[in-house]
Amino acid sequence: SLTGGPNGDTASLTVAPGLSTVCSNDAAQATTGVLAIINACGSD
């Protein structure tokens, strides 16, 4: 979550490198917008 004020949360959240960003807004940006033709990558 995002909270509007400080919270007392204590946790270590882990994320690993992956390939899901192959279909992403950043991938669409890097292809000058060509990948954005596909809705699922450019706008979601």
PDB file of all heavy atoms in Angstrom:
ATOM      1  N   SER A   1       0.832  -1.203   0.000  1.00  0.00           N
ATOM      2  CA  SER A   1       0.000   0.000   0.000  1.00  0.00           C
ATOM      3  C   SER A   1       0.865   1.251   0.000  1.00  0.00           C
ATOM      4  O   SER A   1       2.063   1.217   0.301  1.00  0.00           O
ATOM      5  CB  SER A   1      -0.901   0.022   1.240  1.00  0.00           C
ATOM      6  OG  SER A   1      -1.784  -1.079   1.248  1.00  0.00           O
ATOM      7  N   LEU A   2       0.228   2.368  -0.327  1.00  0.00           N
ATOM      8  CA  LEU A   2       0.807   3.699  -0.145  1.00  0.00           C
ATOM      9  C   LEU A   2       0.000   4.405   0.933  1.00  0.00           C
ATOM     10  O   LEU A   2      -1.234   4.431   0.862  1.00  0.00           O
ATOM     11  CB  LEU A   2       0.738   4.515  -1.438  1.00  0.00           C
ATOM     12  CG  LEU A   2       1.714   4.200  -2.566  1.00  0.00           C
ATOM     13  CD1 LEU A   2       1.421   5.093  -3.766  1.00  0.00           C
ATOM     14  CD2 LEU A   2       3.154   4.404  -2.108  1.00  0.00           C
ATOM     15  N   THR A   3       0.691   4.974   1.909  1.00  0.00           N
ATOM     16  CA  THR A   3       0.003   5.671   2.994  1.00  0.00           C
ATOM     17  C   THR A   3       0.386   7.144   2.996  1.00  0.00           C
ATOM     18  O   THR A   3       1.498   7.510   2.615  1.00  0.00           O
ATOM     19  CB  THR A   3       0.348   5.051   4.359  1.00  0.00           C
ATOM     20  OG1 THR A   3       1.746   5.205   4.617  1.00  0.00           O
ATOM     21  CG2 THR A   3      -0.006   3.568   4.373  1.00  0.00           C
ATOM     22  N   GLY A   4      -0.556   7.968   3.429  1.00  0.00           N
ATOM     23  CA  GLY A   4      -0.330   9.401   3.429  1.00  0.00           C
ATOM     24  C   GLY A   4       0.582   9.880   4.537  1.00  0.00           C
ATOM     25  O   GLY A   4       1.083  11.008   4.483  1.00  0.00           O
ATOM     26  N   GLY A   5       0.803   9.057   5.556  1.00  0.00           N
ATOM     27  CA  GLY A   5       1.671   9.435   6.656  1.00  0.00           C
ATOM     28  C   GLY A   5       2.645   8.320   6.976  1.00  0.00           C
ATOM     29  O   GLY A   5       2.522   7.201   6.458  1.00  0.00           O
ATOM     30  N   PRO A   6       3.630   8.591   7.822  1.00  0.00           N
ATOM     31  CA  PRO A   6       4.596   7.550   8.199  1.00  0.00           C
ATOM     32  C   PRO A   6       3.882   6.348   8.806  1.00  0.00           C
ATOM     33  O   PRO A   6       2.848   6.483   9.465  1.00  0.00           O
ATOM     34  CB  PRO A   6       5.481   8.249   9.233  1.00  0.00           C
ATOM     35  CG  PRO A   6       5.300   9.712   8.981  1.00  0.00           C
ATOM     36  CD  PRO A   6       3.902   9.870   8.491  1.00  0.00           C
ATOM     37  N   ASN A   7       4.415   5.175   8.540  1.00  0.00           N
ATOM     38  CA  ASN A   7       3.843   3.966   9.132  1.00  0.00           C
ATOM     39  C   ASN A   7       4.947   3.194   9.839  1.00  0.00           C
ATOM     40  O   ASN A   7       6.135   3.403   9.598  1.00  0.00           O
ATOM     41  CB  ASN A   7       3.169   3.098   8.062  1.00  0.00           C
ATOM     42  CG  ASN A   7       4.105   2.762   6.908  1.00  0.00           C
ATOM     43  OD1 ASN A   7       5.073   2.032   7.084  1.00  0.00           O
ATOM     44  ND2 ASN A   7       3.832   3.303   5.721  1.00  0.00           N
ATOM     45  N   GLY A   8       4.571   2.337  10.711  1.00  0.00           N
ATOM     46  CA  GLY A   8       5.547   1.588  11.495  1.00  0.00           C
ATOM     47  C   GLY A   8       5.924   0.263  10.880  1.00  0.00           C
ATOM     48  O   GLY A   8       6.440  -0.621  11.581  1.00  0.00           O
ATOM     49  N   ASP A   9       5.689   0.094   9.578  1.00  0.00           N
ATOM     50  CA  ASP A   9       5.936  -1.188   8.931  1.00  0.00           C
ATOM     51  C   ASP A   9       7.416  -1.573   8.989  1.00  0.00           C
ATOM     52  O   ASP A   9       8.304  -0.736   8.782  1.00  0.00           O
ATOM     53  CB  ASP A   9       5.499  -1.147   7.470  1.00  0.00           C
ATOM     54  CG  ASP A   9       3.992  -1.045   7.322  1.00  0.00           C
ATOM     55  OD1 ASP A   9       3.329  -0.832   8.344  1.00  0.00           O
ATOM     56  OD2 ASP A   9       3.495  -1.183   6.195  1.00  0.00           O
ATOM     57  N   THR A  10       7.646  -2.828   9.249  1.00  0.00           N
ATOM     58  CA  THR A  10       8.988  -3.407   9.194  1.00  0.00           C
ATOM     59  C   THR A  10       8.895  -4.678   8.369  1.00  0.00           C
ATOM     60  O   THR A  10       8.202  -5.627   8.745  1.00  0.00           O
ATOM     61  CB  THR A  10       9.514  -3.733  10.598  1.00  0.00           C
ATOM     62  OG1 THR A  10       9.546  -2.529  11.367  1.00  0.00           O
ATOM     63  CG2 THR A  10      10.910  -4.321  10.522  1.00  0.00           C
ATOM     64  N   ALA A  11       9.567  -4.652   7.215  1.00  0.00           N
ATOM     65  CA  ALA A  11       9.497  -5.812   6.331  1.00  0.00           C
ATOM     66  C   ALA A  11      10.623  -5.736   5.318  1.00  0.00           C
ATOM     67  O   ALA A  11      11.191  -4.664   5.070  1.00  0.00           O
ATOM     68  CB  ALA A  11       8.150  -5.863   5.616  1.00  0.00           C
ATOM     69  N   SER A  12      10.952  -6.863   4.735  1.00  0.00           N
ATOM     70  CA  SER A  12      11.889  -6.926   3.616  1.00  0.00           C
ATOM     71  C   SER A  12      11.154  -7.583   2.463  1.00  0.00           C
ATOM     72  O   SER A  12      10.770  -8.759   2.539  1.00  0.00           O
ATOM     73  CB  SER A  12      13.139  -7.736   3.984  1.00  0.00           C
ATOM     74  OG  SER A  12      14.048  -7.772   2.901  1.00  0.00           O
ATOM     75  N   LEU A  13      10.921  -6.813   1.407  1.00  0.00           N
ATOM     76  CA  LEU A  13      10.150  -7.281   0.262  1.00  0.00           C
ATOM     77  C   LEU A  13      11.104  -7.542  -0.903  1.00  0.00           C
ATOM     78  O   LEU A  13      11.891  -6.667  -1.278  1.00  0.00           O
ATOM     79  CB  LEU A  13       9.107  -6.238  -0.131  1.00  0.00           C
ATOM     80  CG  LEU A  13       8.184  -5.771   1.011  1.00  0.00           C
ATOM     81  CD1 LEU A  13       7.188  -4.740   0.492  1.00  0.00           C
ATOM     82  CD2 LEU A  13       7.463  -6.955   1.641  1.00  0.00           C
ATOM     83  N   THR A  14      11.014  -8.717  -1.471  1.00  0.00           N
ATOM     84  CA  THR A  14      11.995  -9.178  -2.450  1.00  0.00           C
ATOM     85  C   THR A  14      11.403  -9.220  -3.848  1.00  0.00           C
ATOM     86  O   THR A  14      10.266  -9.658  -4.047  1.00  0.00           O
ATOM     87  CB  THR A  14      12.503 -10.585  -2.074  1.00  0.00           C
ATOM     88  OG1 THR A  14      13.105 -10.519  -0.778  1.00  0.00           O
ATOM     89  CG2 THR A  14      13.520 -11.096  -3.082  1.00  0.00           C
ATOM     90  N   VAL A  15      12.192  -8.747  -4.824  1.00  0.00           N
ATOM     91  CA  VAL A  15      11.816  -8.836  -6.224  1.00  0.00           C
ATOM     92  C   VAL A  15      13.054  -9.280  -7.001  1.00  0.00           C
ATOM     93  O   VAL A  15      14.170  -8.830  -6.723  1.00  0.00           O
ATOM     94  CB  VAL A  15      11.271  -7.490  -6.751  1.00  0.00           C
ATOM     95  CG1 VAL A  15      12.298  -6.377  -6.637  1.00  0.00           C
ATOM     96  CG2 VAL A  15      10.767  -7.623  -8.180  1.00  0.00           C
ATOM     97  N   ALA A  16      12.859 -10.168  -7.958  1.00  0.00           N
ATOM     98  CA  ALA A  16      13.972 -10.704  -8.740  1.00  0.00           C
ATOM     99  C   ALA A  16      13.889 -10.207 -10.174  1.00  0.00           C
ATOM    100  O   ALA A  16      12.811  -9.856 -10.663  1.00  0.00           O
ATOM    101  CB  ALA A  16      13.943 -12.237  -8.711  1.00  0.00           C
ATOM    102  N   PRO A  17      15.026 -10.155 -10.877  1.00  0.00           N
ATOM    103  CA  PRO A  17      14.985  -9.794 -12.303  1.00  0.00           C
ATOM    104  C   PRO A  17      14.067 -10.744 -13.069  1.00  0.00           C
ATOM    105  O   PRO A  17      13.967 -11.930 -12.753  1.00  0.00           O
ATOM    106  CB  PRO A  17      16.440  -9.954 -12.746  1.00  0.00           C
ATOM    107  CG  PRO A  17      17.247  -9.820 -11.491  1.00  0.00           C
ATOM    108  CD  PRO A  17      16.398 -10.420 -10.406  1.00  0.00           C
ATOM    109  N   GLY A  18      13.381 -10.221 -14.060  1.00  0.00           N
ATOM    110  CA  GLY A  18      12.467 -11.037 -14.853  1.00  0.00           C
ATOM    111  C   GLY A  18      12.244 -10.429 -16.216  1.00  0.00           C
ATOM    112  O   GLY A  18      12.867  -9.425 -16.584  1.00  0.00           O
ATOM    113  N   LEU A  19      11.336 -11.011 -16.982  1.00  0.00           N
ATOM    114  CA  LEU A  19      11.085 -10.582 -18.351  1.00  0.00           C
ATOM    115  C   LEU A  19       9.677 -10.034 -18.550  1.00  0.00           C
ATOM    116  O   LEU A  19       9.252  -9.813 -19.682  1.00  0.00           O
ATOM    117  CB  LEU A  19      11.323 -11.752 -19.310  1.00  0.00           C
ATOM    118  CG  LEU A  19      12.765 -12.269 -19.385  1.00  0.00           C
ATOM    119  CD1 LEU A  19      12.843 -13.476 -20.311  1.00  0.00           C
ATOM    120  CD2 LEU A  19      13.709 -11.168 -19.865  1.00  0.00           C
ATOM    121  N   SER A  20       8.939  -9.810 -17.468  1.00  0.00           N
ATOM    122  CA  SER A  20       7.573  -9.314 -17.643  1.00  0.00           C
ATOM    123  C   SER A  20       7.553  -7.920 -18.260  1.00  0.00           C
ATOM    124  O   SER A  20       6.557  -7.525 -18.883  1.00  0.00           O
ATOM    125  CB  SER A  20       6.830  -9.309 -16.302  1.00  0.00           C
ATOM    126  OG  SER A  20       7.379  -8.355 -15.410  1.00  0.00           O
ATOM    127  N   THR A  21       8.648  -7.154 -18.110  1.00  0.00           N
ATOM    128  CA  THR A  21       8.699  -5.799 -18.667  1.00  0.00           C
ATOM    129  C   THR A  21       8.865  -5.799 -20.186  1.00  0.00           C
ATOM    130  O   THR A  21       8.875  -4.730 -20.799  1.00  0.00           O
ATOM    131  CB  THR A  21       9.839  -4.992 -18.028  1.00  0.00           C
ATOM    132  OG1 THR A  21      11.045  -5.758 -18.063  1.00  0.00           O
ATOM    133  CG2 THR A  21       9.517  -4.632 -16.589  1.00  0.00           C
ATOM    134  N   VAL A  22       9.006  -6.982 -20.799  1.00  0.00           N
ATOM    135  CA  VAL A  22       9.012  -7.039 -22.262  1.00  0.00           C
ATOM    136  C   VAL A  22       7.701  -6.484 -22.810  1.00  0.00           C
ATOM    137  O   VAL A  22       7.654  -5.899 -23.896  1.00  0.00           O
ATOM    138  CB  VAL A  22       9.242  -8.492 -22.742  1.00  0.00           C
ATOM    139  CG1 VAL A  22       8.952  -8.626 -24.227  1.00  0.00           C
ATOM    140  CG2 VAL A  22      10.678  -8.912 -22.445  1.00  0.00           C
ATOM    141  N   CYS A  23       6.624  -6.647 -22.048  1.00  0.00           N
ATOM    142  CA  CYS A  23       5.330  -6.062 -22.402  1.00  0.00           C
ATOM    143  C   CYS A  23       5.007  -4.993 -21.371  1.00  0.00           C
ATOM    144  O   CYS A  23       4.390  -5.269 -20.341  1.00  0.00           O
ATOM    145  CB  CYS A  23       4.240  -7.135 -22.429  1.00  0.00           C
ATOM    146  SG  CYS A  23       2.610  -6.519 -22.920  1.00  0.00           S
ATOM    147  N   SER A  24       5.463  -3.778 -21.625  1.00  0.00           N
ATOM    148  CA  SER A  24       5.320  -2.704 -20.645  1.00  0.00           C
ATOM    149  C   SER A  24       5.348  -1.357 -21.337  1.00  0.00           C
ATOM    150  O   SER A  24       5.735  -1.236 -22.512  1.00  0.00           O
ATOM    151  CB  SER A  24       6.458  -2.766 -19.613  1.00  0.00           C
ATOM    152  OG  SER A  24       7.705  -2.459 -20.231  1.00  0.00           O
ATOM    153  N   ASN A  25       4.968  -0.340 -20.602  1.00  0.00           N
ATOM    154  CA  ASN A  25       5.034   1.015 -21.130  1.00  0.00           C
ATOM    155  C   ASN A  25       6.465   1.405 -21.454  1.00  0.00           C
ATOM    156  O   ASN A  25       6.724   2.084 -22.464  1.00  0.00           O
ATOM    157  CB  ASN A  25       4.429   1.983 -20.114  1.00  0.00           C
ATOM    158  CG  ASN A  25       4.506   3.428 -20.573  1.00  0.00           C
ATOM    159  OD1 ASN A  25       5.473   4.126 -20.313  1.00  0.00           O
ATOM    160  ND2 ASN A  25       3.471   3.887 -21.270  1.00  0.00           N
ATOM    161  N   ASP A  26       7.423   0.998 -20.605  1.00  0.00           N
ATOM    162  CA  ASP A  26       8.822   1.331 -20.874  1.00  0.00           C
ATOM    163  C   ASP A  26       9.322   0.652 -22.136  1.00  0.00           C
ATOM    164  O   ASP A  26      10.115   1.221 -22.893  1.00  0.00           O
ATOM    165  CB  ASP A  26       9.697   0.948 -19.681  1.00  0.00           C
ATOM    166  CG  ASP A  26       9.794   2.074 -18.659  1.00  0.00           C
ATOM    167  OD1 ASP A  26       9.044   3.060 -18.794  1.00  0.00           O
ATOM    168  OD2 ASP A  26      10.622   1.976 -17.735  1.00  0.00           O
ATOM    169  N   ALA A  27       8.885  -0.584 -22.380  1.00  0.00           N
ATOM    170  CA  ALA A  27       9.263  -1.263 -23.617  1.00  0.00           C
ATOM    171  C   ALA A  27       8.651  -0.548 -24.817  1.00  0.00           C
ATOM    172  O   ALA A  27       9.287  -0.398 -25.866  1.00  0.00           O
ATOM    173  CB  ALA A  27       8.825  -2.720 -23.579  1.00  0.00           C
ATOM    174  N   ALA A  28       7.413  -0.088 -24.669  1.00  0.00           N
ATOM    175  CA  ALA A  28       6.778   0.678 -25.742  1.00  0.00           C
ATOM    176  C   ALA A  28       7.527   1.978 -25.987  1.00  0.00           C
ATOM    177  O   ALA A  28       7.736   2.387 -27.138  1.00  0.00           O
ATOM    178  CB  ALA A  28       5.319   0.957 -25.389  1.00  0.00           C
ATOM    179  N   GLN A  29       7.949   2.626 -24.910  1.00  0.00           N
ATOM    180  CA  GLN A  29       8.717   3.862 -25.044  1.00  0.00           C
ATOM    181  C   GLN A  29      10.023   3.606 -25.784  1.00  0.00           C
ATOM    182  O   GLN A  29      10.416   4.374 -26.666  1.00  0.00           O
ATOM    183  CB  GLN A  29       9.001   4.441 -23.645  1.00  0.00           C
ATOM    184  CG  GLN A  29       9.732   5.768 -23.651  1.00  0.00           C
ATOM    185  CD  GLN A  29      10.116   6.207 -22.256  1.00  0.00           C
ATOM    186  OE1 GLN A  29      10.540   5.404 -21.428  1.00  0.00           O
ATOM    187  NE2 GLN A  29       9.969   7.486 -21.970  1.00  0.00           N
ATOM    188  N   ALA A  30      10.711   2.505 -25.446  1.00  0.00           N
ATOM    189  CA  ALA A  30      11.998   2.195 -26.057  1.00  0.00           C
ATOM    190  C   ALA A  30      11.877   1.811 -27.520  1.00  0.00           C
ATOM    191  O   ALA A  30      12.852   1.907 -28.269  1.00  0.00           O
ATOM    192  CB  ALA A  30      12.690   1.069 -25.289  1.00  0.00           C
ATOM    193  N   THR A  31      10.693   1.364 -27.944  1.00  0.00           N
ATOM    194  CA  THR A  31      10.473   1.061 -29.359  1.00  0.00           C
ATOM    195  C   THR A  31       9.848   2.254 -30.073  1.00  0.00           C
ATOM    196  O   THR A  31       9.230   2.089 -31.134  1.00  0.00           O
ATOM    197  CB  THR A  31       9.569  -0.175 -29.523  1.00  0.00           C
ATOM    198  OG1 THR A  31       8.312   0.055 -28.874  1.00  0.00           O
ATOM    199  CG2 THR A  31      10.218  -1.410 -28.924  1.00  0.00           C
ATOM    200  N   THR A  32      10.006   3.439 -29.514  1.00  0.00           N
ATOM    201  CA  THR A  32       9.485   4.712 -30.029  1.00  0.00           C
ATOM    202  C   THR A  32       7.965   4.737 -30.118  1.00  0.00           C
ATOM    203  O   THR A  32       7.395   5.599 -30.775  1.00  0.00           O
ATOM    204  CB  THR A  32      10.085   5.078 -31.405  1.00  0.00           C
ATOM    205  OG1 THR A  32       9.605   4.162 -32.402  1.00  0.00           O
ATOM    206  CG2 THR A  32      11.601   5.066 -31.365  1.00  0.00           C
ATOM    207  N   GLY A  33       7.314   3.786 -29.455  1.00  0.00           N
ATOM    208  CA  GLY A  33       5.856   3.732 -29.441  1.00  0.00           C
ATOM    209  C   GLY A  33       5.275   2.604 -30.257  1.00  0.00           C
ATOM    210  O   GLY A  33       4.065   2.365 -30.220  1.00  0.00           O
ATOM    211  N   VAL A  34       6.117   1.869 -30.992  1.00  0.00           N
ATOM    212  CA  VAL A  34       5.606   0.808 -31.864  1.00  0.00           C
ATOM    213  C   VAL A  34       4.885  -0.262 -31.047  1.00  0.00           C
ATOM    214  O   VAL A  34       3.793  -0.720 -31.411  1.00  0.00           O
ATOM    215  CB  VAL A  34       6.752   0.183 -32.685  1.00  0.00           C
ATOM    216  CG1 VAL A  34       6.250  -1.029 -33.463  1.00  0.00           C
ATOM    217  CG2 VAL A  34       7.349   1.215 -33.632  1.00  0.00           C
ATOM    218  N   LEU A  35       5.468  -0.667 -29.910  1.00  0.00           N
ATOM    219  CA  LEU A  35       4.851  -1.716 -29.100  1.00  0.00           C
ATOM    220  C   LEU A  35       3.528  -1.264 -28.503  1.00  0.00           C
ATOM    221  O   LEU A  35       2.676  -2.085 -28.147  1.00  0.00           O
ATOM    222  CB  LEU A  35       5.814  -2.159 -27.993  1.00  0.00           C
ATOM    223  CG  LEU A  35       5.442  -3.443 -27.239  1.00  0.00           C
ATOM    224  CD1 LEU A  35       5.415  -4.637 -28.179  1.00  0.00           C
ATOM    225  CD2 LEU A  35       6.442  -3.696 -26.102  1.00  0.00           C
ATOM    226  N   ALA A  36       3.332   0.050 -28.409  1.00  0.00           N
ATOM    227  CA  ALA A  36       2.089   0.573 -27.829  1.00  0.00           C
ATOM    228  C   ALA A  36       0.883   0.308 -28.716  1.00  0.00           C
ATOM    229  O   ALA A  36      -0.261   0.516 -28.288  1.00  0.00           O
ATOM    230  CB  ALA A  36       2.217   2.075 -27.575  1.00  0.00           C
ATOM    231  N   ILE A  37       1.122  -0.155 -29.944  1.00  0.00           N
ATOM    232  CA  ILE A  37       0.002  -0.557 -30.795  1.00  0.00           C
ATOM    233  C   ILE A  37      -0.820  -1.637 -30.090  1.00  0.00           C
ATOM    234  O   ILE A  37      -2.035  -1.696 -30.205  1.00  0.00           O
ATOM    235  CB  ILE A  37       0.527  -1.067 -32.157  1.00  0.00           C
ATOM    236  CG1 ILE A  37       1.088   0.103 -32.967  1.00  0.00           C
ATOM    237  CG2 ILE A  37      -0.571  -1.777 -32.935  1.00  0.00           C
ATOM    238  CD1 ILE A  37       1.757  -0.311 -34.254  1.00  0.00           C
ATOM    239  N   ILE A  38      -0.111  -2.501 -29.319  1.00  0.00           N
ATOM    240  CA  ILE A  38      -0.769  -3.571 -28.572  1.00  0.00           C
ATOM    241  C   ILE A  38      -1.246  -3.006 -27.237  1.00  0.00           C
ATOM    242  O   ILE A  38      -0.451  -2.596 -26.402  1.00  0.00           O
ATOM    243  CB  ILE A  38       0.197  -4.742 -28.332  1.00  0.00           C
ATOM    244  CG1 ILE A  38       0.761  -5.250 -29.663  1.00  0.00           C
ATOM    245  CG2 ILE A  38      -0.494  -5.873 -27.580  1.00  0.00           C
ATOM    246  CD1 ILE A  38       1.862  -6.266 -29.503  1.00  0.00           C
ATOM    247  N   ASN A  39      -2.534  -2.961 -27.028  1.00  0.00           N
ATOM    248  CA  ASN A  39      -3.100  -2.330 -25.827  1.00  0.00           C
ATOM    249  C   ASN A  39      -2.494  -2.866 -24.542  1.00  0.00           C
ATOM    250  O   ASN A  39      -2.197  -2.115 -23.607  1.00  0.00           O
ATOM    251  CB  ASN A  39      -4.610  -2.566 -25.775  1.00  0.00           C
ATOM    252  CG  ASN A  39      -5.350  -1.825 -26.861  1.00  0.00           C
ATOM    253  OD1 ASN A  39      -4.738  -1.111 -27.642  1.00  0.00           O
ATOM    254  ND2 ASN A  39      -6.645  -2.009 -26.920  1.00  0.00           N
ATOM    255  N   ALA A  40      -2.345  -4.188 -24.466  1.00  0.00           N
ATOM    256  CA  ALA A  40      -1.928  -4.822 -23.221  1.00  0.00           C
ATOM    257  C   ALA A  40      -0.531  -4.405 -22.802  1.00  0.00           C
ATOM    258  O   ALA A  40      -0.158  -4.584 -21.644  1.00  0.00           O
ATOM    259  CB  ALA A  40      -1.990  -6.347 -23.365  1.00  0.00           C
ATOM    260  N   CYS A  41       0.249  -3.841 -23.724  1.00  0.00           N
ATOM    261  CA  CYS A  41       1.609  -3.422 -23.384  1.00  0.00           C
ATOM    262  C   CYS A  41       1.706  -1.907 -23.206  1.00  0.00           C
ATOM    263  O   CYS A  41       2.365  -1.431 -22.287  1.00  0.00           O
ATOM    264  CB  CYS A  41       2.585  -3.869 -24.473  1.00  0.00           C
ATOM    265  SG  CYS A  41       2.723  -5.663 -24.626  1.00  0.00           S
ATOM    266  N   GLY A  42       1.055  -1.154 -24.086  1.00  0.00           N
ATOM    267  CA  GLY A  42       1.220   0.292 -24.045  1.00  0.00           C
ATOM    268  C   GLY A  42       0.401   0.985 -22.983  1.00  0.00           C
ATOM    269  O   GLY A  42       0.850   1.971 -22.399  1.00  0.00           O
ATOM    270  N   SER A  43      -0.802   0.489 -22.703  1.00  0.00           N
ATOM    271  CA  SER A  43      -1.702   1.247 -21.830  1.00  0.00           C
ATOM    272  C   SER A  43      -2.121   0.506 -20.570  1.00  0.00           C
ATOM    273  O   SER A  43      -2.942   1.016 -19.808  1.00  0.00           O
ATOM    274  CB  SER A  43      -2.967   1.633 -22.614  1.00  0.00           C
ATOM    275  OG  SER A  43      -3.635   0.477 -23.083  1.00  0.00           O
ATOM    276  N   ASP A  44      -1.584  -0.679 -20.322  1.00  0.00           N
ATOM    277  CA  ASP A  44      -1.976  -1.430 -19.130  1.00  0.00           C
ATOM    278  C   ASP A  44      -0.760  -2.180 -18.590  1.00  0.00           C
ATOM    279  O   ASP A  44      -0.144  -2.965 -19.310  1.00  0.00           O
ATOM    280  CB  ASP A  44      -3.091  -2.414 -19.453  1.00  0.00           C
ATOM    281  CG  ASP A  44      -3.800  -2.927 -18.204  1.00  0.00           C
ATOM    282  OD1 ASP A  44      -3.206  -2.878 -17.114  1.00  0.00           O
ATOM    283  OD2 ASP A  44      -4.958  -3.375 -18.324  1.00  0.00           O
TER     284      ASP A  44
END
